[in-house]
Amino acid sequence: PGLIIELRDERETPERKEIFYYKEGIVEFVRQLGENKQVINETPIAISGTRIVEIDYDGKRMTDDVLVDVVFQYNETYADQILCYANSIYNGDGGTHMTGFRTALTRVINMYAKENKMIKDKDPSLSGDDFREGLVAVISVKMPNPRFSSQTKDKLVNTEIEGVVSSVVYEEIKAFFEENPAMARRIIEKSLNAARAREAARKARETV
C-alpha cells in the first residue's frame, strides 16, 4: 500500500510519464477486479498475518517469518478468480498458498454454517466449489527461499506454506464472521444457492 511507481520515457520531448499508485494496495486491486460486477460485500475482506516457520535452506533448517496477505470479495457471478503471488512473483498455477487458502475457506464457512444452524437437513452438502462461486481473491505471501515447480515460477511448492496460509486465513475469517454475522449469512446463502443449483442440475441429468 502506498507504493508509487513512476515511469519516464526520456526519448520524447516533452518526456512522457506514467504514474502507478495503489493507495490501499491489494484491497484496491481486488476492488478493481470486481468492477462492473454486482458485489455482495462492498468492502473487500482483508486478512494479514505473520507466522514463524522452519525453512529448508539447501539442507539446513532455519526459522524465519512468513507474511501472509489475503484480500477477497464475493460477487453475483458464477466463476471464481484467485490470483496468487509469492514475493510479488505471479504464480499462474497457484500452489501451496492457494491450497491453504481454499482449505481454510471451506473449513471455516462449513463450521460457521453448522454452528449457526444455517444448513438444513434437506440441503445438499457444501463443497469447496460452492464456497468459491463468485469469489475474487488475491493471495500474497512474503517468504525466504521460495521454491517453484519450474523456471517460469507458475506454481509455489514450499510445503510449509500451505499450513501457514491455512492457519492465518482460518483464524481471521472466523473472527470476521463473528464480528459481521449479516455478511457471513449473505456469503453462506450464496454458497447454499450454488449447492442447490448443482444438486438440481445433477437430478436433471439423471432424469434425462
N, C-alpha and C. Protein backbone atom coordinates (compact mmCIF):
# COMPACT_ATOMS: atom_id res chain seq x y z
N PRO A 1 0.82 -1.21 0.00
CA PRO A 1 0.00 0.00 0.00
C PRO A 1 0.86 1.26 0.00
N GLY A 2 0.48 2.23 -0.84
CA GLY A 2 1.19 3.50 -0.85
C GLY A 2 2.40 3.54 -1.75
N LEU A 3 2.78 2.41 -2.34
CA LEU A 3 3.94 2.39 -3.23
C LEU A 3 3.62 3.15 -4.52
N ILE A 4 4.54 4.03 -4.90
CA ILE A 4 4.38 4.79 -6.15
C ILE A 4 5.45 4.34 -7.13
N ILE A 5 5.03 3.97 -8.35
CA ILE A 5 5.96 3.61 -9.42
C ILE A 5 5.80 4.63 -10.53
N GLU A 6 6.90 5.28 -10.86
CA GLU A 6 6.87 6.32 -11.89
C GLU A 6 7.75 5.90 -13.06
N LEU A 7 7.17 5.87 -14.24
CA LEU A 7 7.92 5.52 -15.45
C LEU A 7 8.05 6.75 -16.33
N ARG A 8 9.28 7.00 -16.78
CA ARG A 8 9.53 8.16 -17.66
C ARG A 8 10.13 7.68 -18.98
N ASP A 9 9.62 8.18 -20.07
CA ASP A 9 10.21 7.93 -21.38
C ASP A 9 10.93 9.21 -21.79
N GLU A 10 12.25 9.24 -21.54
CA GLU A 10 13.02 10.45 -21.78
C GLU A 10 13.44 10.62 -23.24
N ARG A 11 13.04 9.66 -24.10
CA ARG A 11 13.38 9.78 -25.52
C ARG A 11 12.50 10.81 -26.21
N GLU A 12 11.34 11.08 -25.59
CA GLU A 12 10.40 12.02 -26.21
C GLU A 12 10.58 13.42 -25.62
N THR A 13 10.22 14.42 -26.39
CA THR A 13 10.25 15.79 -25.90
C THR A 13 8.88 16.43 -26.14
N PRO A 14 8.13 16.83 -25.14
CA PRO A 14 8.47 16.63 -23.73
C PRO A 14 8.38 15.15 -23.36
N GLU A 15 9.11 14.77 -22.30
CA GLU A 15 9.13 13.36 -21.91
C GLU A 15 7.75 12.89 -21.48
N ARG A 16 7.49 11.63 -21.76
CA ARG A 16 6.20 11.03 -21.39
C ARG A 16 6.34 10.36 -20.02
N LYS A 17 5.32 10.52 -19.19
CA LYS A 17 5.41 9.99 -17.84
C LYS A 17 4.11 9.28 -17.45
N GLU A 18 4.25 8.14 -16.80
CA GLU A 18 3.10 7.41 -16.26
C GLU A 18 3.37 7.13 -14.78
N ILE A 19 2.34 7.30 -13.96
CA ILE A 19 2.47 7.01 -12.52
C ILE A 19 1.46 5.95 -12.14
N PHE A 20 1.95 4.92 -11.46
CA PHE A 20 1.09 3.84 -10.96
C PHE A 20 1.08 3.90 -9.44
N TYR A 21 -0.11 3.96 -8.88
CA TYR A 21 -0.22 4.18 -7.43
C TYR A 21 -1.46 3.47 -6.89
N TYR A 22 -1.27 2.56 -5.96
CA TYR A 22 -2.38 1.92 -5.27
C TYR A 22 -2.31 2.32 -3.80
N LYS A 23 -3.14 3.26 -3.42
CA LYS A 23 -3.13 3.76 -2.04
C LYS A 23 -3.40 2.65 -1.04
N GLU A 24 -4.34 1.75 -1.37
CA GLU A 24 -4.73 0.69 -0.44
C GLU A 24 -4.11 -0.67 -0.81
N GLY A 25 -3.19 -0.69 -1.75
CA GLY A 25 -2.52 -1.94 -2.09
C GLY A 25 -3.47 -2.98 -2.66
N ILE A 26 -3.41 -4.20 -2.10
CA ILE A 26 -4.18 -5.33 -2.63
C ILE A 26 -5.69 -5.08 -2.54
N VAL A 27 -6.13 -4.37 -1.50
CA VAL A 27 -7.56 -4.08 -1.35
C VAL A 27 -8.08 -3.35 -2.58
N GLU A 28 -7.31 -2.36 -3.02
CA GLU A 28 -7.71 -1.59 -4.20
C GLU A 28 -7.66 -2.46 -5.46
N PHE A 29 -6.70 -3.36 -5.52
CA PHE A 29 -6.56 -4.29 -6.66
C PHE A 29 -7.81 -5.18 -6.76
N VAL A 30 -8.23 -5.74 -5.63
CA VAL A 30 -9.41 -6.61 -5.62
C VAL A 30 -10.66 -5.82 -5.97
N ARG A 31 -10.75 -4.60 -5.46
CA ARG A 31 -11.90 -3.77 -5.79
C ARG A 31 -11.95 -3.50 -7.30
N GLN A 32 -10.77 -3.32 -7.89
CA GLN A 32 -10.69 -3.08 -9.34
C GLN A 32 -11.12 -4.34 -10.11
N LEU A 33 -10.71 -5.51 -9.62
CA LEU A 33 -11.10 -6.76 -10.28
C LEU A 33 -12.62 -6.98 -10.23
N GLY A 34 -13.26 -6.41 -9.21
CA GLY A 34 -14.70 -6.57 -9.04
C GLY A 34 -15.53 -5.48 -9.70
N GLU A 35 -14.86 -4.58 -10.42
CA GLU A 35 -15.60 -3.52 -11.10
C GLU A 35 -16.56 -4.10 -12.14
N ASN A 36 -17.69 -3.43 -12.32
CA ASN A 36 -18.72 -3.85 -13.29
C ASN A 36 -19.37 -5.17 -12.90
N LYS A 37 -19.21 -5.57 -11.63
CA LYS A 37 -19.90 -6.76 -11.12
C LYS A 37 -20.75 -6.34 -9.92
N GLN A 38 -21.84 -7.06 -9.72
CA GLN A 38 -22.68 -6.78 -8.55
C GLN A 38 -22.07 -7.49 -7.35
N VAL A 39 -21.43 -6.73 -6.46
CA VAL A 39 -20.69 -7.33 -5.36
C VAL A 39 -21.60 -7.60 -4.17
N ILE A 40 -21.25 -8.63 -3.40
CA ILE A 40 -22.00 -8.97 -2.19
C ILE A 40 -21.47 -8.20 -1.00
N ASN A 41 -20.15 -8.19 -0.82
CA ASN A 41 -19.55 -7.36 0.23
C ASN A 41 -18.85 -6.17 -0.43
N GLU A 42 -19.43 -4.99 -0.23
CA GLU A 42 -18.94 -3.77 -0.89
C GLU A 42 -17.47 -3.52 -0.58
N THR A 43 -17.08 -3.71 0.69
CA THR A 43 -15.69 -3.54 1.09
C THR A 43 -15.00 -4.90 1.09
N PRO A 44 -13.93 -5.08 0.31
CA PRO A 44 -13.23 -6.37 0.31
C PRO A 44 -12.74 -6.75 1.71
N ILE A 45 -12.75 -8.05 1.99
CA ILE A 45 -12.29 -8.55 3.29
C ILE A 45 -10.77 -8.73 3.21
N ALA A 46 -10.05 -8.05 4.09
CA ALA A 46 -8.58 -8.08 4.08
C ALA A 46 -8.06 -8.85 5.29
N ILE A 47 -7.13 -9.77 5.04
CA ILE A 47 -6.55 -10.61 6.08
C ILE A 47 -5.03 -10.47 6.02
N SER A 48 -4.41 -10.29 7.17
CA SER A 48 -2.95 -10.23 7.24
C SER A 48 -2.48 -10.99 8.47
N GLY A 49 -1.34 -11.65 8.34
CA GLY A 49 -0.80 -12.36 9.48
C GLY A 49 0.64 -12.78 9.23
N THR A 50 1.35 -13.03 10.30
CA THR A 50 2.74 -13.47 10.23
C THR A 50 2.90 -14.75 11.04
N ARG A 51 3.66 -15.68 10.51
CA ARG A 51 3.96 -16.92 11.23
C ARG A 51 5.46 -17.17 11.14
N ILE A 52 6.02 -17.73 12.21
CA ILE A 52 7.42 -18.15 12.21
C ILE A 52 7.45 -19.63 11.86
N VAL A 53 8.18 -19.97 10.81
CA VAL A 53 8.23 -21.36 10.35
C VAL A 53 9.66 -21.79 10.11
N GLU A 54 9.83 -23.10 10.02
CA GLU A 54 11.14 -23.66 9.66
C GLU A 54 11.24 -23.72 8.15
N ILE A 55 12.31 -23.16 7.61
CA ILE A 55 12.53 -23.13 6.17
C ILE A 55 13.78 -23.96 5.86
N ASP A 56 13.71 -24.70 4.77
CA ASP A 56 14.85 -25.52 4.35
C ASP A 56 15.77 -24.68 3.46
N TYR A 57 16.99 -24.39 3.95
CA TYR A 57 17.99 -23.68 3.16
C TYR A 57 19.05 -24.69 2.72
N ASP A 58 18.83 -25.27 1.56
CA ASP A 58 19.81 -26.22 1.00
C ASP A 58 20.23 -27.27 2.03
N GLY A 59 19.23 -27.87 2.65
CA GLY A 59 19.50 -28.94 3.61
C GLY A 59 19.59 -28.49 5.05
N LYS A 60 19.71 -27.18 5.29
CA LYS A 60 19.77 -26.66 6.66
C LYS A 60 18.39 -26.12 7.04
N ARG A 61 17.93 -26.46 8.24
CA ARG A 61 16.63 -25.99 8.72
C ARG A 61 16.84 -24.74 9.56
N MET A 62 16.18 -23.64 9.15
CA MET A 62 16.27 -22.38 9.88
C MET A 62 14.88 -21.79 10.05
N THR A 63 14.67 -21.05 11.14
CA THR A 63 13.37 -20.41 11.36
C THR A 63 13.38 -19.00 10.76
N ASP A 64 12.21 -18.62 10.23
CA ASP A 64 12.10 -17.28 9.63
C ASP A 64 10.62 -16.89 9.57
N ASP A 65 10.37 -15.61 9.32
CA ASP A 65 9.00 -15.12 9.23
C ASP A 65 8.42 -15.34 7.84
N VAL A 66 7.12 -15.65 7.81
CA VAL A 66 6.36 -15.68 6.56
C VAL A 66 5.18 -14.73 6.74
N LEU A 67 5.06 -13.78 5.82
CA LEU A 67 3.97 -12.80 5.87
C LEU A 67 2.89 -13.20 4.87
N VAL A 68 1.65 -13.19 5.33
CA VAL A 68 0.51 -13.59 4.51
C VAL A 68 -0.46 -12.41 4.38
N ASP A 69 -0.81 -12.05 3.16
CA ASP A 69 -1.84 -11.05 2.89
C ASP A 69 -2.86 -11.66 1.94
N VAL A 70 -4.11 -11.67 2.35
CA VAL A 70 -5.19 -12.19 1.52
C VAL A 70 -6.33 -11.18 1.52
N VAL A 71 -6.82 -10.86 0.34
CA VAL A 71 -7.98 -9.97 0.22
C VAL A 71 -8.98 -10.64 -0.72
N PHE A 72 -10.26 -10.69 -0.31
CA PHE A 72 -11.25 -11.32 -1.18
C PHE A 72 -12.59 -10.60 -1.11
N GLN A 73 -13.37 -10.81 -2.16
CA GLN A 73 -14.67 -10.17 -2.30
C GLN A 73 -15.57 -11.09 -3.11
N TYR A 74 -16.83 -11.17 -2.72
CA TYR A 74 -17.80 -12.00 -3.44
C TYR A 74 -18.67 -11.13 -4.35
N ASN A 75 -19.02 -11.70 -5.51
CA ASN A 75 -19.96 -11.02 -6.40
C ASN A 75 -21.02 -12.02 -6.86
N GLU A 76 -21.98 -11.54 -7.63
CA GLU A 76 -23.13 -12.36 -8.00
C GLU A 76 -22.89 -13.24 -9.23
N THR A 77 -21.65 -13.30 -9.72
CA THR A 77 -21.36 -14.16 -10.88
C THR A 77 -21.16 -15.60 -10.41
N TYR A 78 -20.83 -16.49 -11.35
CA TYR A 78 -20.72 -17.92 -11.02
C TYR A 78 -19.29 -18.44 -11.13
N ALA A 79 -18.37 -17.59 -11.56
CA ALA A 79 -16.97 -18.02 -11.72
C ALA A 79 -16.15 -17.47 -10.55
N ASP A 80 -15.00 -18.08 -10.32
CA ASP A 80 -14.08 -17.56 -9.31
C ASP A 80 -12.80 -17.09 -9.99
N GLN A 81 -12.12 -16.16 -9.34
CA GLN A 81 -10.85 -15.63 -9.85
C GLN A 81 -9.92 -15.47 -8.66
N ILE A 82 -8.93 -16.35 -8.57
CA ILE A 82 -7.97 -16.31 -7.46
C ILE A 82 -6.57 -16.10 -8.04
N LEU A 83 -5.94 -15.00 -7.67
CA LEU A 83 -4.60 -14.67 -8.15
C LEU A 83 -3.61 -14.86 -7.00
N CYS A 84 -2.50 -15.56 -7.29
CA CYS A 84 -1.52 -15.89 -6.25
C CYS A 84 -0.16 -15.27 -6.55
N TYR A 85 0.50 -14.80 -5.50
CA TYR A 85 1.82 -14.19 -5.62
C TYR A 85 2.72 -14.69 -4.50
N ALA A 86 3.97 -14.95 -4.81
CA ALA A 86 4.99 -15.27 -3.81
C ALA A 86 6.14 -14.30 -4.01
N ASN A 87 6.41 -13.48 -3.00
CA ASN A 87 7.44 -12.43 -3.11
C ASN A 87 7.21 -11.55 -4.33
N SER A 88 5.94 -11.21 -4.55
CA SER A 88 5.49 -10.34 -5.65
C SER A 88 5.62 -10.98 -7.03
N ILE A 89 5.95 -12.27 -7.09
CA ILE A 89 6.02 -13.00 -8.36
C ILE A 89 4.66 -13.68 -8.58
N TYR A 90 4.05 -13.45 -9.73
CA TYR A 90 2.75 -14.05 -10.03
C TYR A 90 2.89 -15.54 -10.29
N ASN A 91 2.06 -16.34 -9.62
CA ASN A 91 2.05 -17.80 -9.79
C ASN A 91 0.74 -18.20 -10.47
N GLY A 92 0.80 -18.32 -11.79
CA GLY A 92 -0.41 -18.58 -12.57
C GLY A 92 -1.12 -19.86 -12.24
N ASP A 93 -0.36 -20.89 -11.79
CA ASP A 93 -0.98 -22.17 -11.43
C ASP A 93 -1.20 -22.32 -9.93
N GLY A 94 -1.05 -21.23 -9.20
CA GLY A 94 -1.29 -21.27 -7.76
C GLY A 94 -0.15 -21.96 -7.02
N GLY A 95 -0.52 -22.95 -6.21
CA GLY A 95 0.49 -23.65 -5.43
C GLY A 95 0.02 -23.88 -4.01
N THR A 96 0.97 -24.05 -3.11
CA THR A 96 0.62 -24.40 -1.73
C THR A 96 -0.10 -23.26 -1.01
N HIS A 97 0.16 -22.00 -1.39
CA HIS A 97 -0.57 -20.89 -0.76
C HIS A 97 -2.04 -20.90 -1.18
N MET A 98 -2.33 -21.27 -2.44
CA MET A 98 -3.72 -21.37 -2.87
C MET A 98 -4.43 -22.54 -2.17
N THR A 99 -3.73 -23.66 -2.06
CA THR A 99 -4.32 -24.83 -1.39
C THR A 99 -4.67 -24.49 0.06
N GLY A 100 -3.75 -23.80 0.75
CA GLY A 100 -4.00 -23.42 2.14
C GLY A 100 -5.20 -22.50 2.26
N PHE A 101 -5.34 -21.56 1.34
CA PHE A 101 -6.49 -20.64 1.37
C PHE A 101 -7.80 -21.38 1.13
N ARG A 102 -7.82 -22.22 0.12
CA ARG A 102 -9.05 -22.97 -0.20
C ARG A 102 -9.47 -23.87 0.96
N THR A 103 -8.50 -24.56 1.55
CA THR A 103 -8.80 -25.46 2.67
C THR A 103 -9.42 -24.70 3.83
N ALA A 104 -8.80 -23.56 4.19
CA ALA A 104 -9.27 -22.78 5.33
C ALA A 104 -10.65 -22.19 5.05
N LEU A 105 -10.86 -21.68 3.84
CA LEU A 105 -12.15 -21.07 3.49
C LEU A 105 -13.27 -22.10 3.60
N THR A 106 -13.06 -23.29 3.04
CA THR A 106 -14.07 -24.35 3.10
C THR A 106 -14.35 -24.74 4.54
N ARG A 107 -13.28 -24.91 5.32
CA ARG A 107 -13.43 -25.36 6.71
C ARG A 107 -14.18 -24.34 7.57
N VAL A 108 -13.81 -23.06 7.47
CA VAL A 108 -14.40 -22.07 8.35
C VAL A 108 -15.86 -21.77 7.97
N ILE A 109 -16.19 -21.74 6.68
CA ILE A 109 -17.58 -21.48 6.29
C ILE A 109 -18.46 -22.65 6.68
N ASN A 110 -17.99 -23.87 6.45
CA ASN A 110 -18.75 -25.06 6.86
C ASN A 110 -19.01 -25.03 8.36
N MET A 111 -17.97 -24.76 9.14
CA MET A 111 -18.09 -24.75 10.59
C MET A 111 -19.07 -23.68 11.06
N TYR A 112 -18.95 -22.47 10.51
CA TYR A 112 -19.82 -21.37 10.92
C TYR A 112 -21.27 -21.67 10.56
N ALA A 113 -21.49 -22.21 9.37
CA ALA A 113 -22.85 -22.52 8.92
C ALA A 113 -23.50 -23.58 9.81
N LYS A 114 -22.73 -24.59 10.19
CA LYS A 114 -23.28 -25.65 11.04
C LYS A 114 -23.54 -25.17 12.46
N GLU A 115 -22.60 -24.39 13.01
CA GLU A 115 -22.76 -23.88 14.37
C GLU A 115 -23.97 -22.97 14.49
N ASN A 116 -24.28 -22.25 13.42
CA ASN A 116 -25.41 -21.31 13.44
C ASN A 116 -26.66 -21.89 12.79
N LYS A 117 -26.62 -23.22 12.57
CA LYS A 117 -27.78 -23.95 12.04
C LYS A 117 -28.34 -23.31 10.76
N MET A 118 -27.44 -22.93 9.87
CA MET A 118 -27.85 -22.33 8.60
C MET A 118 -28.02 -23.38 7.51
N ILE A 119 -27.54 -24.61 7.75
CA ILE A 119 -27.70 -25.69 6.78
C ILE A 119 -28.79 -26.63 7.28
N LYS A 120 -29.84 -26.77 6.48
CA LYS A 120 -30.96 -27.64 6.86
C LYS A 120 -30.68 -29.08 6.42
N ASP A 121 -31.43 -30.00 7.01
CA ASP A 121 -31.24 -31.42 6.69
C ASP A 121 -31.49 -31.70 5.20
N LYS A 122 -32.43 -30.95 4.61
CA LYS A 122 -32.77 -31.19 3.21
C LYS A 122 -31.74 -30.59 2.25
N ASP A 123 -30.86 -29.72 2.75
CA ASP A 123 -29.87 -29.07 1.89
C ASP A 123 -28.78 -30.07 1.49
N PRO A 124 -28.24 -29.92 0.27
CA PRO A 124 -27.11 -30.77 -0.14
C PRO A 124 -25.85 -30.38 0.63
N SER A 125 -24.91 -31.31 0.73
CA SER A 125 -23.65 -30.99 1.41
C SER A 125 -22.87 -29.99 0.57
N LEU A 126 -22.22 -29.05 1.26
CA LEU A 126 -21.50 -27.99 0.57
C LEU A 126 -20.08 -28.44 0.22
N SER A 127 -19.64 -28.07 -0.97
CA SER A 127 -18.29 -28.41 -1.40
C SER A 127 -17.46 -27.14 -1.54
N GLY A 128 -16.16 -27.30 -1.73
CA GLY A 128 -15.28 -26.14 -1.93
C GLY A 128 -15.68 -25.31 -3.13
N ASP A 129 -16.16 -25.98 -4.19
CA ASP A 129 -16.59 -25.24 -5.39
C ASP A 129 -17.74 -24.30 -5.08
N ASP A 130 -18.64 -24.72 -4.18
CA ASP A 130 -19.78 -23.88 -3.80
C ASP A 130 -19.31 -22.62 -3.09
N PHE A 131 -18.30 -22.75 -2.23
CA PHE A 131 -17.79 -21.60 -1.48
C PHE A 131 -17.02 -20.63 -2.36
N ARG A 132 -16.49 -21.12 -3.48
CA ARG A 132 -15.68 -20.26 -4.34
C ARG A 132 -16.48 -19.63 -5.48
N GLU A 133 -17.75 -19.94 -5.59
CA GLU A 133 -18.55 -19.37 -6.67
C GLU A 133 -18.70 -17.85 -6.46
N GLY A 134 -18.30 -17.08 -7.47
CA GLY A 134 -18.39 -15.63 -7.37
C GLY A 134 -17.30 -14.99 -6.52
N LEU A 135 -16.24 -15.73 -6.25
CA LEU A 135 -15.16 -15.24 -5.39
C LEU A 135 -14.04 -14.61 -6.22
N VAL A 136 -13.62 -13.40 -5.82
CA VAL A 136 -12.41 -12.78 -6.37
C VAL A 136 -11.44 -12.63 -5.20
N ALA A 137 -10.24 -13.18 -5.35
CA ALA A 137 -9.28 -13.14 -4.25
C ALA A 137 -7.87 -12.94 -4.77
N VAL A 138 -7.06 -12.28 -3.95
CA VAL A 138 -5.62 -12.15 -4.21
C VAL A 138 -4.90 -12.66 -2.97
N ILE A 139 -3.99 -13.62 -3.19
CA ILE A 139 -3.20 -14.21 -2.11
C ILE A 139 -1.75 -13.81 -2.33
N SER A 140 -1.14 -13.19 -1.33
CA SER A 140 0.25 -12.77 -1.45
C SER A 140 1.03 -13.24 -0.22
N VAL A 141 2.12 -13.95 -0.46
CA VAL A 141 3.00 -14.35 0.65
C VAL A 141 4.39 -13.77 0.43
N LYS A 142 5.01 -13.35 1.52
CA LYS A 142 6.40 -12.89 1.50
C LYS A 142 7.19 -13.88 2.35
N MET A 143 8.19 -14.50 1.76
CA MET A 143 8.86 -15.61 2.44
C MET A 143 10.30 -15.74 1.97
N PRO A 144 11.15 -16.34 2.80
CA PRO A 144 12.51 -16.63 2.35
C PRO A 144 12.55 -17.93 1.55
N ASN A 145 13.45 -18.00 0.63
CA ASN A 145 13.72 -19.23 -0.12
C ASN A 145 12.48 -19.88 -0.75
N PRO A 146 11.72 -19.15 -1.57
CA PRO A 146 10.58 -19.77 -2.24
C PRO A 146 11.05 -20.78 -3.28
N ARG A 147 10.29 -21.86 -3.42
CA ARG A 147 10.61 -22.88 -4.43
C ARG A 147 9.42 -23.03 -5.37
N PHE A 148 9.75 -23.20 -6.66
CA PHE A 148 8.70 -23.26 -7.67
C PHE A 148 8.83 -24.55 -8.47
N SER A 149 7.74 -24.92 -9.14
CA SER A 149 7.71 -26.18 -9.88
C SER A 149 8.51 -26.10 -11.18
N SER A 150 8.78 -24.88 -11.66
CA SER A 150 9.51 -24.72 -12.93
C SER A 150 10.19 -23.36 -12.95
N GLN A 151 10.99 -23.13 -13.98
CA GLN A 151 11.70 -21.85 -14.09
C GLN A 151 10.76 -20.68 -14.35
N THR A 152 9.58 -20.97 -14.87
CA THR A 152 8.61 -19.90 -15.11
C THR A 152 7.90 -19.47 -13.83
N LYS A 153 8.13 -20.21 -12.73
CA LYS A 153 7.61 -19.85 -11.40
C LYS A 153 6.08 -19.79 -11.37
N ASP A 154 5.46 -20.68 -12.13
CA ASP A 154 4.00 -20.68 -12.19
C ASP A 154 3.34 -21.27 -10.95
N LYS A 155 4.09 -22.10 -10.21
CA LYS A 155 3.48 -22.78 -9.07
C LYS A 155 4.43 -22.84 -7.89
N LEU A 156 3.96 -22.37 -6.72
CA LEU A 156 4.75 -22.41 -5.49
C LEU A 156 4.64 -23.81 -4.88
N VAL A 157 5.77 -24.40 -4.47
CA VAL A 157 5.73 -25.79 -3.98
C VAL A 157 6.25 -25.94 -2.56
N ASN A 158 6.57 -24.86 -1.85
CA ASN A 158 7.01 -24.98 -0.45
C ASN A 158 5.89 -25.58 0.40
N THR A 159 6.10 -26.78 0.93
CA THR A 159 5.03 -27.49 1.65
C THR A 159 4.61 -26.76 2.92
N GLU A 160 5.54 -26.09 3.59
CA GLU A 160 5.21 -25.45 4.86
C GLU A 160 4.25 -24.27 4.70
N ILE A 161 4.16 -23.72 3.48
CA ILE A 161 3.34 -22.53 3.25
C ILE A 161 1.84 -22.86 3.30
N GLU A 162 1.47 -24.07 2.93
CA GLU A 162 0.05 -24.45 2.97
C GLU A 162 -0.51 -24.28 4.39
N GLY A 163 0.20 -24.81 5.38
CA GLY A 163 -0.26 -24.71 6.76
C GLY A 163 -0.25 -23.29 7.28
N VAL A 164 0.75 -22.50 6.87
CA VAL A 164 0.85 -21.11 7.31
C VAL A 164 -0.36 -20.31 6.81
N VAL A 165 -0.63 -20.39 5.51
CA VAL A 165 -1.76 -19.65 4.93
C VAL A 165 -3.08 -20.14 5.51
N SER A 166 -3.23 -21.45 5.64
CA SER A 166 -4.46 -22.02 6.18
C SER A 166 -4.73 -21.52 7.59
N SER A 167 -3.70 -21.47 8.42
CA SER A 167 -3.84 -21.02 9.81
C SER A 167 -4.26 -19.55 9.88
N VAL A 168 -3.58 -18.70 9.13
CA VAL A 168 -3.89 -17.27 9.15
C VAL A 168 -5.31 -17.02 8.64
N VAL A 169 -5.65 -17.62 7.50
CA VAL A 169 -6.96 -17.39 6.87
C VAL A 169 -8.09 -17.90 7.76
N TYR A 170 -7.91 -19.09 8.34
CA TYR A 170 -8.97 -19.66 9.19
C TYR A 170 -9.26 -18.75 10.38
N GLU A 171 -8.23 -18.35 11.09
CA GLU A 171 -8.42 -17.53 12.29
C GLU A 171 -9.03 -16.17 11.97
N GLU A 172 -8.56 -15.56 10.90
CA GLU A 172 -9.03 -14.22 10.56
C GLU A 172 -10.46 -14.21 10.01
N ILE A 173 -10.80 -15.19 9.16
CA ILE A 173 -12.18 -15.25 8.64
C ILE A 173 -13.15 -15.61 9.77
N LYS A 174 -12.75 -16.50 10.64
CA LYS A 174 -13.59 -16.87 11.79
C LYS A 174 -13.91 -15.63 12.62
N ALA A 175 -12.89 -14.83 12.92
CA ALA A 175 -13.10 -13.61 13.69
C ALA A 175 -13.99 -12.61 12.93
N PHE A 176 -13.77 -12.51 11.61
CA PHE A 176 -14.57 -11.58 10.80
C PHE A 176 -16.05 -11.99 10.81
N PHE A 177 -16.33 -13.28 10.65
CA PHE A 177 -17.71 -13.76 10.65
C PHE A 177 -18.39 -13.51 11.99
N GLU A 178 -17.66 -13.71 13.07
CA GLU A 178 -18.24 -13.48 14.39
C GLU A 178 -18.57 -12.01 14.62
N GLU A 179 -17.76 -11.14 14.02
CA GLU A 179 -17.99 -9.70 14.17
C GLU A 179 -18.98 -9.15 13.14
N ASN A 180 -19.18 -9.89 12.05
CA ASN A 180 -20.07 -9.43 10.96
C ASN A 180 -21.02 -10.55 10.55
N PRO A 181 -21.95 -10.93 11.45
CA PRO A 181 -22.83 -12.07 11.16
C PRO A 181 -23.73 -11.87 9.93
N ALA A 182 -24.14 -10.64 9.66
CA ALA A 182 -25.01 -10.40 8.49
C ALA A 182 -24.26 -10.69 7.20
N MET A 183 -22.99 -10.28 7.13
CA MET A 183 -22.18 -10.55 5.94
C MET A 183 -21.89 -12.04 5.81
N ALA A 184 -21.62 -12.70 6.94
CA ALA A 184 -21.38 -14.14 6.92
C ALA A 184 -22.60 -14.88 6.38
N ARG A 185 -23.78 -14.42 6.79
CA ARG A 185 -25.02 -15.06 6.33
C ARG A 185 -25.19 -14.89 4.82
N ARG A 186 -24.87 -13.72 4.28
CA ARG A 186 -25.01 -13.47 2.83
C ARG A 186 -24.07 -14.37 2.03
N ILE A 187 -22.84 -14.52 2.53
CA ILE A 187 -21.86 -15.35 1.83
C ILE A 187 -22.29 -16.82 1.87
N ILE A 188 -22.78 -17.28 3.02
CA ILE A 188 -23.19 -18.68 3.16
C ILE A 188 -24.44 -18.95 2.33
N GLU A 189 -25.35 -17.98 2.28
CA GLU A 189 -26.56 -18.14 1.46
C GLU A 189 -26.19 -18.31 -0.02
N LYS A 190 -25.19 -17.54 -0.48
CA LYS A 190 -24.74 -17.68 -1.87
C LYS A 190 -24.17 -19.07 -2.11
N SER A 191 -23.40 -19.58 -1.15
CA SER A 191 -22.82 -20.92 -1.27
C SER A 191 -23.92 -21.98 -1.28
N LEU A 192 -24.93 -21.80 -0.44
CA LEU A 192 -26.06 -22.75 -0.41
C LEU A 192 -26.82 -22.75 -1.73
N ASN A 193 -27.02 -21.57 -2.30
CA ASN A 193 -27.71 -21.49 -3.59
C ASN A 193 -26.90 -22.21 -4.67
N ALA A 194 -25.56 -22.08 -4.61
CA ALA A 194 -24.70 -22.77 -5.57
C ALA A 194 -24.84 -24.28 -5.42
N ALA A 195 -24.90 -24.76 -4.17
CA ALA A 195 -25.03 -26.19 -3.90
C ALA A 195 -26.39 -26.70 -4.38
N ARG A 196 -27.44 -25.92 -4.14
CA ARG A 196 -28.78 -26.33 -4.58
C ARG A 196 -28.87 -26.39 -6.10
N ALA A 197 -28.25 -25.42 -6.77
CA ALA A 197 -28.25 -25.42 -8.24
C ALA A 197 -27.48 -26.62 -8.77
N ARG A 198 -26.36 -26.94 -8.11
CA ARG A 198 -25.55 -28.10 -8.53
C ARG A 198 -26.34 -29.40 -8.35
N GLU A 199 -27.06 -29.50 -7.24
CA GLU A 199 -27.86 -30.70 -6.98
C GLU A 199 -29.02 -30.81 -7.97
N ALA A 200 -29.66 -29.67 -8.28
CA ALA A 200 -30.76 -29.67 -9.24
C ALA A 200 -30.26 -30.09 -10.63
N ALA A 201 -29.09 -29.62 -11.01
CA ALA A 201 -28.51 -29.99 -12.30
C ALA A 201 -28.19 -31.49 -12.34
N ARG A 202 -27.69 -32.01 -11.23
CA ARG A 202 -27.39 -33.46 -11.17
C ARG A 202 -28.66 -34.28 -11.35
N LYS A 203 -29.73 -33.88 -10.67
CA LYS A 203 -31.01 -34.61 -10.77
C LYS A 203 -31.59 -34.51 -12.18
N ALA A 204 -31.41 -33.35 -12.80
CA ALA A 204 -31.90 -33.17 -14.18
C ALA A 204 -31.16 -34.09 -15.13
N ARG A 205 -29.85 -34.23 -14.94
CA ARG A 205 -29.05 -35.13 -15.79
C ARG A 205 -29.51 -36.58 -15.62
N GLU A 206 -29.76 -36.96 -14.35
CA GLU A 206 -30.20 -38.32 -14.08
C GLU A 206 -31.56 -38.60 -14.71
N THR A 207 -32.43 -37.58 -14.69
CA THR A 207 -33.76 -37.73 -15.30
C THR A 207 -33.64 -37.95 -16.80
N VAL A 208 -32.77 -37.16 -17.43
CA VAL A 208 -32.54 -37.30 -18.89
C VAL A 208 -31.97 -38.67 -19.21
